[in-house]
């Protein structure tokens, strides 16, 4: 049988991270490759209590079809928290509950991108979003990521020279994969450039509440006065990723298109878990829950940084993030992080090479991304020591 797949899907490669995760199913492998939250942070007991109530007393509603925009009480409590705590959202905005933050990127791309339209991304950036944009046959253009965010001079140059620029995609707070934070000055400049060149911004912000040090920087959406920002958030990192609950806050005119796009994709987000999440937010103190997550991840971040300081020496540089889930490590420019990860994998330690996050994933990158939220303290110590052995072998030291 000859299968004639569409050009849209035939040219896509599997997510490098998802492929690496298959290897980590082996219990002997220590994985620093995932972006998973720690299972210790899941409020399982509270969710079990709520789920029992839903099955016993409200099964007719919880197991029925729902509306595309999302379960109204969850939409309202989410929008109110964003508005009151973070100044995100205006009277001209609306909010939809989506099947994880990833769907927010897909719906935005579906609404704005024609084939060969240009979307500008940080380089490096999140592979899931890059593959999403590739699936729409978009022209992806990467702008270098500096320590304080996207290079604004290069961004302006790109806006001047590229044709049909429709979207700028950024992860401004604890960026994936680097953990870096875009400065307030650059956030304002980004809005200014987007306004001048009439381009929409997708602000992907799943990690911003996971801050362990440093000063809070306002969301780009909170600075937006023109309705130019599509804000994508998620409950994956503060409740559970498996429930697949994200949200998009965007101008009402844009939201109308996102709703239509979602109707032809999955009709609506899982209603049972929408109701469960709403009840958790209503019955329990979310801020206390998040603070417990921060305390755990702050400790794990510090443990991994300490292990790297002890084991890596001068062999590899690393950046201590103020939040998020990742540590970005770099070799000298002439080396290849992918080759290093192959050696570390043979020693039983999985990490993600920086090339996986490049707009052109055929380019070589001297970087490697580590996750500190999922492994145990013992795995952090042992895994970093084994990775240092791989470093010595690769560098010939």
Protein backbone atom coordinates (compact mmCIF):
# COMPACT_ATOMS: atom_id res chain seq x y z
CA UNK A 1 0.00 0.00 0.00
CA UNK A 2 1.34 3.44 -0.94
CA UNK A 3 0.32 6.08 1.61
CA UNK A 4 0.23 9.59 0.22
CA UNK A 5 0.57 11.76 3.29
CA UNK A 6 0.01 15.49 3.18
CA UNK A 7 3.02 17.76 2.75
CA UNK A 8 2.02 19.38 6.05
CA UNK A 9 2.60 16.23 8.08
CA UNK A 10 5.10 14.40 5.88
CA UNK A 11 7.83 16.98 6.47
CA UNK A 12 7.45 17.06 10.26
CA UNK A 13 9.95 15.23 12.46
CA UNK A 14 8.95 13.63 15.76
CA UNK A 15 9.69 15.73 18.82
CA UNK A 16 13.27 15.01 19.85
CA UNK A 17 12.24 15.29 23.49
CA UNK A 18 9.41 12.77 23.09
CA UNK A 19 11.82 10.37 21.40
CA UNK A 20 14.33 10.78 24.24
CA UNK A 21 11.56 10.13 26.76
CA UNK A 22 11.00 6.70 25.22
CA UNK A 23 14.54 5.80 26.31
CA UNK A 24 13.87 7.05 29.82
CA UNK A 25 11.13 4.44 30.28
CA UNK A 26 14.06 2.22 31.26
CA UNK A 27 14.12 2.57 35.08
CA UNK A 28 17.92 2.44 35.10
CA UNK A 29 18.15 5.68 33.09
CA UNK A 30 18.33 8.95 35.04
CA UNK A 31 16.34 11.50 33.09
CA UNK A 32 17.09 15.21 33.05
CA UNK A 33 15.33 15.37 29.67
CA UNK A 34 11.68 15.82 30.57
CA UNK A 35 9.86 19.05 31.28
CA UNK A 36 7.60 17.28 33.74
CA UNK A 37 6.55 18.66 37.10
CA UNK A 38 7.34 16.58 40.15
CA UNK A 39 4.61 14.12 41.12
CA UNK A 40 5.05 15.45 44.67
CA UNK A 41 3.31 18.66 43.57
CA UNK A 42 0.10 17.02 42.37
CA UNK A 43 -2.77 17.66 44.81
CA UNK A 44 -3.94 14.07 44.38
CA UNK A 45 -5.78 13.70 47.70
CA UNK A 46 -7.78 16.87 47.16
CA UNK A 47 -8.52 15.89 43.56
CA UNK A 48 -9.67 12.44 44.65
CA UNK A 49 -12.15 14.00 47.08
CA UNK A 50 -13.50 16.31 44.40
CA UNK A 51 -13.65 13.54 41.81
CA UNK A 52 -15.69 11.36 44.17
CA UNK A 53 -18.16 14.20 44.62
CA UNK A 54 -18.37 14.72 40.84
CA UNK A 55 -19.02 11.04 40.13
CA UNK A 56 -21.49 10.69 42.99
CA UNK A 57 -23.46 13.91 42.79
CA UNK A 58 -22.77 15.64 39.47
CA UNK A 59 -21.96 12.90 36.97
CA UNK A 60 -24.72 14.03 34.63
CA UNK A 61 -23.00 17.38 34.16
CA UNK A 62 -19.37 16.29 34.44
CA UNK A 63 -19.64 13.47 31.88
CA UNK A 64 -21.76 15.39 29.35
CA UNK A 65 -20.77 17.54 26.38
CA UNK A 66 -19.68 21.07 27.24
CA UNK A 67 -19.42 24.39 25.42
CA UNK A 68 -16.37 25.14 23.31
CA UNK A 69 -15.36 28.22 25.28
CA UNK A 70 -15.01 26.14 28.44
CA UNK A 71 -16.78 25.51 31.75
CA UNK A 72 -18.08 28.96 32.68
CA UNK A 73 -17.16 28.89 36.40
CA UNK A 74 -13.57 27.88 35.54
CA UNK A 75 -13.34 30.58 32.88
CA UNK A 76 -14.60 33.18 35.34
CA UNK A 77 -12.30 32.22 38.21
CA UNK A 78 -9.31 32.02 35.86
CA UNK A 79 -10.03 35.39 34.24
CA UNK A 80 -10.59 37.04 37.62
CA UNK A 81 -7.29 35.75 39.01
CA UNK A 82 -5.35 36.89 35.96
CA UNK A 83 -7.00 40.31 36.11
CA UNK A 84 -6.86 40.94 39.85
CA UNK A 85 -3.43 39.46 40.60
CA UNK A 86 -1.50 40.15 37.39
CA UNK A 87 -3.46 42.87 35.49
CA UNK A 88 -3.86 40.50 32.55
CA UNK A 89 -6.97 41.02 30.44
CA UNK A 90 -9.19 43.99 29.63
CA UNK A 91 -12.92 44.53 28.97
CA UNK A 92 -12.14 43.93 25.29
CA UNK A 93 -10.63 40.51 26.00
CA UNK A 94 -12.18 37.10 26.49
CA UNK A 95 -10.84 33.80 27.84
CA UNK A 96 -11.16 30.24 26.57
CA UNK A 97 -10.15 26.98 28.27
CA UNK A 98 -8.01 24.86 25.94
CA UNK A 99 -6.55 21.34 26.00
CA UNK A 100 -3.20 22.38 27.43
CA UNK A 101 -1.17 25.43 26.50
CA UNK A 102 -0.01 23.64 23.34
CA UNK A 103 -3.50 23.95 21.88
CA UNK A 104 -3.34 27.70 22.46
CA UNK A 105 -0.38 27.85 20.06
CA UNK A 106 -2.15 25.62 17.54
CA UNK A 107 -5.33 27.68 17.54
CA UNK A 108 -3.38 30.92 17.21
CA UNK A 109 -1.45 29.54 14.27
CA UNK A 110 -4.63 28.23 12.70
CA UNK A 111 -6.28 31.64 13.05
CA UNK A 112 -3.45 33.76 11.62
CA UNK A 113 -1.05 31.75 9.45
CA UNK A 114 -1.48 31.05 5.78
CA UNK A 115 1.06 28.86 4.03
CA UNK A 116 4.42 30.67 3.75
CA UNK A 117 3.43 33.44 6.16
CA UNK A 118 6.22 34.34 8.54
CA UNK A 119 6.29 33.79 12.28
CA UNK A 120 9.25 35.15 14.24
CA UNK A 121 10.48 33.07 17.18
CA UNK A 122 13.21 33.27 19.78
CA UNK A 123 16.15 31.10 18.80
CA UNK A 124 16.30 28.70 20.63
CA UNK A 125 12.66 28.08 21.51
CA UNK A 126 10.20 25.40 22.64
CA UNK A 127 10.19 22.49 20.19
CA UNK A 128 6.46 21.81 20.63
CA UNK A 129 5.54 25.27 19.42
CA UNK A 130 8.11 25.22 16.61
CA UNK A 131 6.67 21.97 15.29
CA UNK A 132 3.17 23.38 15.59
CA UNK A 133 4.11 26.34 13.40
CA UNK A 134 5.92 24.08 10.95
CA UNK A 135 2.73 22.04 10.57
CA UNK A 136 1.03 25.11 9.07
CA UNK A 137 3.80 25.41 6.44
CA UNK A 138 4.89 28.70 7.98
CA UNK A 139 8.18 30.45 7.37
CA UNK A 140 9.93 30.27 10.74
CA UNK A 141 12.54 32.95 11.34
CA UNK A 142 14.66 32.82 14.48
CA UNK A 143 15.93 35.88 16.33
CA UNK A 144 18.86 35.32 18.71
CA UNK A 145 18.01 35.10 22.38
CA UNK A 146 20.20 37.20 24.66
CA UNK A 147 20.46 36.93 28.45
CA UNK A 148 17.66 39.50 28.88
CA UNK A 149 15.44 38.28 26.06
CA UNK A 150 15.14 38.48 22.29
CA UNK A 151 17.65 40.70 20.48
CA UNK A 152 15.47 43.71 19.67
CA UNK A 153 17.81 45.13 17.03
CA UNK A 154 17.73 41.84 15.14
CA UNK A 155 13.97 41.65 15.64
CA UNK A 156 13.47 45.04 14.02
CA UNK A 157 15.78 44.11 11.18
CA UNK A 158 13.74 40.94 10.65
CA UNK A 159 10.45 42.84 10.70
CA UNK A 160 11.83 45.16 8.04
CA UNK A 161 13.11 42.47 5.71
CA UNK A 162 10.79 39.46 6.01
CA UNK A 163 7.55 39.26 4.04
CA UNK A 164 4.09 38.57 5.46
CA UNK A 165 5.10 38.59 9.12
CA UNK A 166 1.94 37.64 11.02
CA UNK A 167 3.10 36.61 14.49
CA UNK A 168 5.93 36.99 16.98
CA UNK A 169 6.16 34.07 19.40
CA UNK A 170 7.92 34.55 22.75
CA UNK A 171 8.26 32.77 26.09
CA UNK A 172 9.29 35.85 28.08
CA UNK A 173 9.48 34.42 31.61
CA UNK A 174 11.74 31.45 32.44
CA UNK A 175 12.03 30.66 28.78
CA UNK A 176 12.10 27.09 27.54
CA UNK A 177 14.85 25.92 27.06
CA UNK A 178 17.10 28.61 28.55
CA UNK A 179 15.26 29.69 31.72
CA UNK A 180 15.97 33.34 30.83
CA UNK A 181 13.66 36.29 31.52
CA UNK A 182 12.93 39.09 29.08
CA UNK A 183 13.56 42.46 30.71
CA UNK A 184 10.75 44.96 31.20
CA UNK A 185 12.51 47.33 28.80
CA UNK A 186 12.51 44.69 26.08
CA UNK A 187 8.87 43.78 26.73
CA UNK A 188 7.92 47.40 26.10
CA UNK A 189 10.15 47.53 23.02
CA UNK A 190 8.56 44.35 21.69
CA UNK A 191 5.10 45.91 21.96
CA UNK A 192 6.35 49.07 20.28
CA UNK A 193 7.81 47.12 17.33
CA UNK A 194 4.75 44.93 16.99
CA UNK A 195 2.60 48.06 16.84
CA UNK A 196 4.85 49.80 14.33
CA UNK A 197 4.92 46.80 11.99
CA UNK A 198 1.33 45.70 12.74
CA UNK A 199 2.11 42.19 13.99
CA UNK A 200 0.39 40.08 16.65
CA UNK A 201 2.31 38.61 19.62
CA UNK A 202 1.81 35.18 21.17
CA UNK A 203 2.95 35.32 24.79
CA UNK A 204 3.49 31.77 26.04
CA UNK A 205 3.71 31.97 29.83
CA UNK A 206 3.40 28.54 31.50
CA UNK A 207 6.26 28.97 34.00
CA UNK A 208 5.88 32.53 35.27
CA UNK A 209 4.44 31.57 38.67
CA UNK A 210 7.41 29.30 39.37
CA UNK A 211 9.76 32.06 40.55
CA UNK A 212 12.35 31.18 43.20
CA UNK A 213 14.47 34.33 43.24
CA UNK A 214 14.69 37.73 41.57
CA UNK A 215 12.05 40.38 40.92
CA UNK A 216 8.67 39.84 39.26
CA UNK A 217 8.40 41.24 35.72
CA UNK A 218 4.89 42.06 34.42
CA UNK A 219 3.44 39.97 31.63
CA UNK A 220 3.56 41.55 28.17
CA UNK A 221 -0.23 41.15 28.02
CA UNK A 222 -0.60 43.40 31.07
CA UNK A 223 1.21 46.18 29.14
CA UNK A 224 -0.84 45.75 25.97
CA UNK A 225 -3.19 48.66 25.17
CA UNK A 226 -3.95 47.77 21.53
CA UNK A 227 -5.27 44.20 21.73
CA UNK A 228 -2.08 42.92 20.11
CA UNK A 229 -1.19 40.08 22.52
CA UNK A 230 -2.58 36.56 22.60
CA UNK A 231 -1.78 35.31 26.10
CA UNK A 232 -1.40 31.54 26.61
CA UNK A 233 -1.27 30.10 30.12
CA UNK A 234 -1.53 26.68 31.69
CA UNK A 235 -2.52 24.76 34.80
CA UNK A 236 -0.03 22.02 33.89
CA UNK A 237 2.80 23.32 36.08
CA UNK A 238 0.72 24.31 39.11
CA UNK A 239 -1.93 21.56 39.20
CA UNK A 240 -1.12 18.66 36.88
CA UNK A 241 -0.06 18.29 33.25
CA UNK A 242 -2.15 15.16 32.69
CA UNK A 243 -5.45 17.00 33.12
CA UNK A 244 -4.57 19.02 29.96
CA UNK A 245 -5.97 22.38 31.01
CA UNK A 246 -4.66 25.59 29.53
CA UNK A 247 -6.22 28.95 28.78
CA UNK A 248 -5.98 31.72 26.24
CA UNK A 249 -6.77 35.38 26.92
CA UNK A 250 -7.16 37.37 23.72
CA UNK A 251 -9.23 40.18 22.15
CA UNK A 252 -12.85 39.15 21.61
CA UNK A 253 -12.56 39.45 17.83
CA UNK A 254 -9.60 37.05 17.89
CA UNK A 255 -11.35 34.77 20.36
CA UNK A 256 -14.22 34.25 17.95
CA UNK A 257 -11.79 32.71 15.46
CA UNK A 258 -10.08 30.59 18.12
CA UNK A 259 -13.44 29.17 19.19
CA UNK A 260 -14.32 28.18 15.63
CA UNK A 261 -10.87 26.63 15.24
CA UNK A 262 -11.33 24.61 18.42
CA UNK A 263 -14.79 23.41 17.40
CA UNK A 264 -13.34 21.62 14.39
CA UNK A 265 -10.47 20.17 16.45
CA UNK A 266 -11.87 18.68 19.66
CA UNK A 267 -15.26 20.39 20.25
CA UNK A 268 -14.36 21.28 23.84
CA UNK A 269 -11.78 20.63 26.56
CA UNK A 270 -12.33 17.73 28.96
CA UNK A 271 -15.30 18.87 31.03
CA UNK A 272 -14.75 16.55 34.00
CA UNK A 273 -11.30 17.99 34.69
CA UNK A 274 -12.49 21.53 34.08
CA UNK A 275 -15.06 21.06 36.83
CA UNK A 276 -12.48 19.37 39.06
CA UNK A 277 -10.01 22.22 38.58
CA UNK A 278 -12.67 24.81 39.32
CA UNK A 279 -13.65 23.07 42.54
CA UNK A 280 -10.00 22.87 43.61
CA UNK A 281 -9.52 26.59 42.97
CA UNK A 282 -12.72 27.36 44.88
CA UNK A 283 -12.16 25.10 47.89
CA UNK A 284 -8.42 25.31 48.46
CA UNK A 285 -5.79 28.02 48.67
CA UNK A 286 -4.00 28.01 45.33
CA UNK A 287 -1.39 30.54 46.49
CA UNK A 288 -0.31 28.27 49.36
CA UNK A 289 -0.17 25.33 46.97
CA UNK A 290 2.05 27.26 44.54
CA UNK A 291 4.33 28.36 47.37
CA UNK A 292 4.89 24.71 48.30
CA UNK A 293 5.82 23.99 44.68
CA UNK A 294 8.23 26.92 44.66
CA UNK A 295 9.91 25.74 47.85
CA UNK A 296 10.43 22.24 46.44
CA UNK A 297 11.75 23.43 43.07
CA UNK A 298 13.97 26.09 44.61
CA UNK A 299 15.61 23.34 46.66
CA UNK A 300 15.99 21.05 43.64
CA UNK A 301 17.38 23.85 41.49
CA UNK A 302 19.95 24.65 44.14
CA UNK A 303 20.84 20.96 44.51
CA UNK A 304 21.48 20.62 40.77
CA UNK A 305 23.49 23.85 40.59
CA UNK A 306 25.59 22.68 43.56
CA UNK A 307 26.21 19.31 41.90
CA UNK A 308 27.22 21.01 38.64
CA UNK A 309 29.60 23.34 40.45
CA UNK A 310 31.25 20.35 42.09
CA UNK A 311 31.37 18.03 39.06
CA UNK A 312 31.66 20.17 35.93
CA UNK A 313 34.44 22.53 36.95
CA UNK A 314 35.61 24.47 33.88
CA UNK A 315 34.31 21.87 31.43
CA UNK A 316 30.82 23.33 31.00
CA UNK A 317 29.13 26.64 31.77
CA UNK A 318 25.63 26.80 33.22
CA UNK A 319 23.09 29.50 34.01
CA UNK A 320 21.26 29.62 37.35
CA UNK A 321 17.64 30.47 36.53
CA UNK A 322 15.40 32.56 38.79
CA UNK A 323 12.54 30.18 38.08
CA UNK A 324 11.02 27.62 35.74
CA UNK A 325 12.13 24.02 35.35
CA UNK A 326 15.37 24.12 33.35
CA UNK A 327 19.11 24.79 33.54
CA UNK A 328 20.84 25.75 30.29
CA UNK A 329 24.41 24.50 29.98
CA UNK A 330 26.96 25.35 27.31
CA UNK A 331 30.16 23.93 25.89
CA UNK A 332 32.69 25.97 23.91
CA UNK A 333 31.35 26.88 20.46
CA UNK A 334 33.34 24.23 18.59
CA UNK A 335 31.60 21.34 20.40
CA UNK A 336 28.25 19.64 19.78
CA UNK A 337 25.75 19.12 22.58
CA UNK A 338 24.05 16.33 20.62
CA UNK A 339 27.26 14.29 20.55
CA UNK A 340 27.70 14.82 24.27
CA UNK A 341 24.13 13.65 24.95
CA UNK A 342 24.78 10.45 23.00
CA UNK A 343 27.71 9.66 25.28
CA UNK A 344 25.77 10.55 28.43
CA UNK A 345 22.91 8.33 27.26
CA UNK A 346 25.30 5.40 27.06
CA UNK A 347 26.21 6.09 30.69
CA UNK A 348 22.53 6.08 31.71
CA UNK A 349 21.82 9.82 31.84
CA UNK A 350 19.38 11.55 29.45
CA UNK A 351 19.44 15.26 28.65
CA UNK A 352 18.25 17.27 25.64
CA UNK A 353 20.74 18.74 23.15
CA UNK A 354 20.31 22.41 22.35
CA UNK A 355 19.93 21.70 18.62
CA UNK A 356 16.45 20.30 19.37
CA UNK A 357 15.28 23.83 20.17
CA UNK A 358 16.68 25.65 17.14
CA UNK A 359 14.49 27.09 14.41
CA UNK A 360 16.74 25.21 11.99
CA UNK A 361 17.14 21.93 13.85
CA UNK A 362 19.87 20.81 11.46
CA UNK A 363 22.20 23.40 12.97
CA UNK A 364 24.76 22.36 15.58
CA UNK A 365 24.41 23.73 19.10
CA UNK A 366 26.98 23.55 21.93
CA UNK A 367 24.17 23.65 24.52
CA UNK A 368 22.32 21.06 26.61
CA UNK A 369 19.10 21.50 28.60
CA UNK A 370 18.66 19.90 32.04
CA UNK A 371 15.41 19.54 33.99
CA UNK A 372 15.57 19.63 37.79
CA UNK A 373 11.90 19.35 38.79
CA UNK A 374 11.35 15.65 38.06
CA UNK A 375 14.45 13.76 39.30
CA UNK A 376 14.96 12.96 42.98
CA UNK A 377 17.83 14.50 44.95
CA UNK A 378 19.67 11.18 44.75
CA UNK A 379 19.21 11.07 40.98
CA UNK A 380 20.47 14.65 40.70
CA UNK A 381 23.70 13.83 42.53
CA UNK A 382 24.34 10.55 40.73
CA UNK A 383 23.20 11.78 37.30
CA UNK A 384 25.31 14.94 37.32
CA UNK A 385 28.34 12.89 38.38
CA UNK A 386 27.76 10.45 35.50
CA UNK A 387 27.21 13.33 33.08
CA UNK A 388 30.55 14.78 34.19
CA UNK A 389 32.14 11.45 33.25
CA UNK A 390 30.58 11.84 29.80
CA UNK A 391 31.95 15.37 29.62
CA UNK A 392 35.46 14.21 30.39
CA UNK A 393 35.21 11.47 27.76
CA UNK A 394 33.85 13.85 25.11
CA UNK A 395 36.36 16.61 25.81
CA UNK A 396 39.26 14.16 26.19
CA UNK A 397 40.14 15.23 29.72
